[in-house]
Protein backbone atom coordinates (compact mmCIF):
# COMPACT_ATOMS: atom_id res chain seq x y z
CA MET A 1 34.11 9.64 12.56
CA THR A 2 33.84 6.11 13.96
CA ILE A 3 30.24 6.69 15.02
CA LEU A 4 29.37 7.99 11.56
CA LEU A 5 30.98 4.95 9.94
CA ILE A 6 29.07 2.59 12.25
CA PHE A 7 25.83 4.38 11.42
CA LEU A 8 26.44 4.18 7.66
CA VAL A 9 27.17 0.46 7.96
CA TYR A 10 23.95 0.02 9.96
CA ALA A 11 21.89 1.96 7.39
CA ALA A 12 23.36 0.00 4.49
CA ALA A 13 22.82 -3.30 6.30
CA LEU A 14 19.21 -2.37 7.06
CA SER A 15 18.58 -1.51 3.42
CA LEU A 16 19.99 -4.89 2.36
CA ALA A 17 17.88 -6.65 5.00
CA LEU A 18 14.70 -4.87 3.88
CA GLY A 19 15.59 -5.86 0.34
CA ARG A 20 15.92 -9.51 1.27
CA ALA A 21 12.83 -9.57 3.51
CA GLY A 22 10.36 -7.86 1.15
CA HIS A 23 8.71 -9.40 -1.87
CA HIS A 24 10.68 -9.98 -5.07
CA SER A 25 8.72 -10.15 -8.30
CA ARG A 26 10.54 -12.59 -10.52
CA VAL A 27 8.14 -12.42 -13.46
CA SER A 28 5.59 -9.93 -14.71
CA GLY A 29 1.91 -10.58 -14.32
CA PRO A 30 -0.25 -12.39 -16.90
CA ARG A 31 -0.89 -9.40 -19.12
CA ASP A 32 -3.39 -11.26 -21.29
CA ALA A 33 -5.62 -12.20 -18.36
CA ALA A 34 -9.17 -10.88 -18.48
CA MET A 35 -10.21 -8.73 -15.54
CA THR A 36 -13.53 -7.06 -14.83
CA GLN A 37 -13.72 -3.52 -13.50
CA ALA A 38 -14.92 -3.65 -9.91
CA GLU A 39 -17.89 -1.40 -9.18
CA ARG A 40 -18.07 -2.02 -5.44
CA ILE A 41 -14.87 -1.63 -3.48
CA LEU A 42 -13.77 -1.63 0.14
CA ILE A 43 -11.10 0.89 1.10
CA ILE A 44 -9.03 0.15 4.21
CA GLY A 45 -7.28 3.06 5.92
CA ALA A 46 -9.80 5.47 4.44
CA THR A 47 -9.02 8.35 6.81
CA GLY A 48 -5.30 8.40 6.05
CA GLY A 49 -3.72 10.54 3.35
CA THR A 50 -3.80 8.01 0.53
CA GLY A 51 -7.06 6.54 1.83
CA ARG A 52 -8.85 9.87 1.52
CA ALA A 53 -7.47 10.31 -1.99
CA LEU A 54 -8.68 6.82 -2.89
CA VAL A 55 -12.19 7.51 -1.59
CA ALA A 56 -12.43 10.82 -3.47
CA ALA A 57 -11.05 9.41 -6.74
CA ALA A 58 -13.22 6.28 -6.59
CA LEU A 59 -16.37 8.33 -6.05
CA GLU A 60 -15.39 10.58 -8.97
CA ARG A 61 -15.25 7.44 -11.13
CA GLY A 62 -18.76 6.48 -10.09
CA LEU A 63 -17.76 3.52 -7.93
CA HIS A 64 -19.69 2.39 -4.86
CA VAL A 65 -17.31 2.71 -1.93
CA THR A 66 -17.32 1.17 1.51
CA ALA A 67 -14.75 2.82 3.76
CA LEU A 68 -13.46 1.12 6.89
CA ALA A 69 -12.41 3.67 9.50
CA ARG A 70 -11.70 3.61 13.22
CA ASN A 71 -13.26 7.07 13.48
CA PRO A 72 -15.81 7.51 10.68
CA SER A 73 -16.36 11.19 11.50
CA ASP A 74 -12.77 11.88 10.41
CA LEU A 75 -13.56 11.09 6.77
CA ARG A 76 -15.82 14.12 6.22
CA ILE A 77 -17.01 13.09 2.76
CA ASP A 78 -20.73 13.01 2.01
CA ASN A 79 -21.82 11.01 -1.03
CA PRO A 80 -24.77 8.66 -1.65
CA ARG A 81 -22.36 6.04 -3.05
CA LEU A 82 -20.21 6.10 0.10
CA ARG A 83 -20.84 3.83 3.07
CA VAL A 84 -18.61 4.26 6.10
CA VAL A 85 -18.17 1.34 8.49
CA GLN A 86 -16.53 1.76 11.86
CA GLY A 87 -13.88 -0.87 12.41
CA ASP A 88 -10.32 -1.79 13.21
CA VAL A 89 -8.09 -3.98 11.06
CA LEU A 90 -6.97 -5.82 14.18
CA ASP A 91 -10.60 -6.83 14.77
CA LEU A 92 -11.48 -9.47 12.19
CA GLN A 93 -15.21 -9.26 12.87
CA SER A 94 -15.36 -5.56 12.02
CA ILE A 95 -13.71 -6.24 8.65
CA GLU A 96 -16.11 -9.10 8.03
CA LYS A 97 -19.04 -6.69 8.53
CA ALA A 98 -17.69 -4.44 5.77
CA MET A 99 -16.78 -7.19 3.28
CA PRO A 100 -20.13 -8.58 1.96
CA GLY A 101 -20.91 -7.45 -1.58
CA GLN A 102 -17.42 -6.13 -2.32
CA GLN A 103 -15.64 -6.93 -5.58
CA ALA A 104 -12.20 -5.66 -4.58
CA VAL A 105 -10.25 -4.30 -1.64
CA LEU A 106 -7.81 -1.38 -1.70
CA SER A 107 -5.62 -1.09 1.36
CA ALA A 108 -3.89 2.15 2.29
CA LEU A 109 -3.30 0.92 5.81
CA GLY A 110 -0.83 2.90 7.88
CA HIS A 111 -0.18 4.22 11.37
CA LYS A 112 2.13 6.57 13.28
CA ARG A 113 3.55 4.17 15.84
CA PHE A 114 7.06 4.34 14.48
CA PHE A 115 9.32 3.90 17.48
CA TYR A 116 8.44 0.51 18.95
CA PRO A 117 7.84 -2.95 17.50
CA THR A 118 4.44 -3.32 15.87
CA ARG A 119 2.58 -5.77 13.66
CA ILE A 120 -0.40 -3.57 12.84
CA LEU A 121 0.30 -3.66 9.09
CA SER A 122 1.03 -7.37 8.86
CA GLU A 123 -1.64 -8.65 11.26
CA GLY A 124 -4.19 -6.19 9.89
CA THR A 125 -3.46 -7.44 6.37
CA ARG A 126 -3.79 -11.04 7.55
CA ASN A 127 -7.27 -10.20 8.85
CA ILE A 128 -8.21 -8.45 5.61
CA LEU A 129 -7.24 -11.51 3.58
CA ALA A 130 -9.15 -13.80 5.95
CA ALA A 131 -12.29 -11.68 5.60
CA MET A 132 -11.87 -11.65 1.82
CA ASP A 133 -11.55 -15.42 1.75
CA GLY A 134 -14.72 -15.79 3.80
CA GLN A 135 -16.71 -13.76 1.27
CA GLY A 136 -15.01 -15.02 -1.89
CA VAL A 137 -13.44 -11.63 -2.68
CA LYS A 138 -10.28 -12.18 -4.71
CA ARG A 139 -8.83 -8.81 -5.83
CA ILE A 140 -6.69 -6.74 -3.46
CA LEU A 141 -4.37 -3.81 -4.08
CA CYS A 142 -2.15 -2.90 -1.16
CA GLU A 143 0.01 0.19 -0.70
CA THR A 144 3.40 -0.44 0.90
CA SER A 145 6.49 1.61 -0.07
CA LEU A 146 9.57 1.81 -2.20
CA GLY A 147 12.65 0.81 -0.24
CA ILE A 148 11.80 -2.84 0.42
CA GLY A 149 12.06 -6.06 -1.54
CA ASP A 150 13.44 -5.55 -5.02
CA SER A 151 12.94 -1.78 -4.65
CA ALA A 152 15.46 -1.46 -1.78
CA GLY A 153 17.35 1.82 -1.96
CA ARG A 154 15.03 3.39 -4.53
CA MET A 155 13.71 6.04 -2.14
CA GLY A 156 16.97 7.94 -2.56
CA LEU A 157 19.97 8.46 -0.29
CA TYR A 158 18.14 10.69 2.22
CA TYR A 159 15.60 8.00 2.96
CA THR A 160 18.02 5.08 2.71
CA PHE A 161 20.60 6.60 5.06
CA PHE A 162 18.45 8.73 7.38
CA VAL A 163 14.64 8.53 7.35
CA ILE A 164 14.28 4.75 7.17
CA PRO A 165 17.11 3.73 9.55
CA VAL A 166 16.46 6.51 12.10
CA ILE A 167 12.68 7.03 12.08
CA LEU A 168 11.04 4.13 10.25
CA PRO A 169 13.05 0.89 10.68
CA LEU A 170 10.35 -0.95 12.68
CA TYR A 171 7.58 0.42 10.46
CA PHE A 172 9.34 -0.72 7.29
CA TRP A 173 10.16 -4.10 8.79
CA ASP A 174 6.46 -4.70 9.35
CA LYS A 175 5.86 -3.68 5.73
CA THR A 176 8.12 -6.56 4.65
CA ARG A 177 5.98 -8.96 6.70
CA GLN A 178 2.87 -7.39 5.15
CA GLU A 179 4.21 -7.98 1.63
CA ARG A 180 5.09 -11.61 2.34
CA ILE A 181 1.63 -12.33 3.76
CA ILE A 182 0.02 -10.90 0.62
CA ALA A 183 2.37 -12.69 -1.77
CA GLU A 184 1.77 -16.04 -0.06
CA SER A 185 -2.02 -15.67 -0.27
CA ASP A 186 -4.38 -17.06 -2.91
CA ALA A 187 -5.75 -13.61 -3.66
CA GLU A 188 -5.42 -11.78 -6.97
CA TRP A 189 -3.05 -9.24 -5.48
CA THR A 190 -1.01 -6.27 -6.54
CA ILE A 191 1.45 -4.55 -4.20
CA VAL A 192 1.87 -0.85 -4.98
CA ARG A 193 5.06 0.79 -3.67
CA PRO A 194 4.89 4.58 -3.85
CA ALA A 195 7.79 6.98 -3.43
CA ALA A 196 7.77 9.62 -0.66
CA LEU A 197 4.21 10.91 -0.52
CA ASN A 198 2.98 14.49 -0.63
CA ASN A 199 -0.33 16.33 -1.04
CA ALA A 200 0.46 18.01 -4.36
CA LYS A 201 -2.07 18.07 -7.17
CA PRO A 202 -2.06 15.00 -9.42
CA ARG A 203 0.12 15.20 -12.51
CA GLY A 204 -1.40 12.20 -14.23
CA GLN A 205 2.05 11.11 -15.41
CA TYR A 206 4.45 8.97 -13.41
CA TYR A 207 6.91 6.12 -13.67
CA HIS A 208 5.74 2.71 -12.57
CA GLY A 209 7.20 -0.76 -12.33
CA ARG A 210 10.85 -1.47 -11.62
CA ILE A 211 12.02 1.85 -13.05
CA ALA A 212 10.16 3.85 -10.38
CA GLY A 213 12.23 5.61 -7.77
CA ASN A 214 15.82 6.78 -7.63
CA PHE A 215 18.92 5.56 -5.82
CA LEU A 216 20.32 9.11 -5.36
CA THR A 217 17.72 11.85 -5.07
CA THR A 218 14.51 11.51 -3.08
CA ALA A 219 11.76 9.98 -5.17
CA ARG A 220 8.35 11.59 -4.65
CA ILE A 221 4.74 11.30 -5.80
CA SER A 222 1.41 12.78 -4.76
CA ARG A 223 -1.17 10.73 -2.89
CA ALA A 224 -3.68 11.73 -5.57
CA ASP A 225 -1.55 10.13 -8.31
CA VAL A 226 -1.06 6.99 -6.21
CA ALA A 227 -4.83 6.75 -5.79
CA ARG A 228 -5.37 7.08 -9.53
CA PHE A 229 -2.73 4.45 -10.25
CA MET A 230 -4.23 1.99 -7.77
CA LEU A 231 -7.73 2.46 -9.17
CA ASP A 232 -6.42 1.97 -12.71
CA GLN A 233 -5.01 -1.42 -11.65
CA LEU A 234 -8.45 -2.70 -10.67
CA SER A 235 -9.15 -3.67 -14.27
CA SER A 236 -5.55 -4.19 -15.41
CA PRO A 237 -3.64 -7.48 -15.23
CA GLU A 238 -0.30 -5.74 -15.84
CA TYR A 239 0.91 -6.09 -12.26
CA LEU A 240 -1.24 -9.01 -11.16
CA ARG A 241 0.61 -10.91 -8.40
CA THR A 242 3.61 -8.61 -8.59
CA ALA A 243 4.95 -5.61 -6.67
CA CYS A 244 5.33 -2.38 -8.62
CA GLY A 245 6.83 0.96 -7.71
CA VAL A 246 5.28 4.28 -8.64
CA SER A 247 6.99 7.69 -8.60
CA TRP A 248 7.32 10.97 -10.50
């Protein structure tokens, strides 16, 4: 019983810490700002689950896509409007090779190194922003997660008291660093925080903003719907320089 109590205190304290460390959006974005739909985009993390969905959805919309991938052969998408560049987010020069001519960047950066300290997300994002600055690219949309910043606890009790504190504490802590780096930049940024991801078919309907997620039951959403939402934000000022959740 004592061990369980200690663990619950730890999980609650971690949730509070992730809440304090992540970005807090105090005001909504400038909804009357004019934004142009980007036609040429760079997708980071293109071989991951959300990254693949982003590439597929962007090509369906007729966009010209450059995909940065450590292993380009893993993408397995053939399209004349798709250019795949081999690179690593921890290698600034490889990002710089992919950046010329881009109008926006969509980052679905992730990894599976959960059980030891890492800065792949934060340092990779720092390099992305540096490469953007060098080419004058301003717009970036970055996928992080519900459960940090002002969305702390909104993944539901299962994630708040088991998945995040047991499996993902170091991963989520780096996400808080990633969010702060983005929020402190001069870019035209939007942080997108999805619920627990799955590979279900897109529904086309979801909650977004501060009402996304749930404090009790596990909040979920498909990667395909997250991709659609992120692409929709390319021409929308609704969440410009804010963090928004998205969930079913």
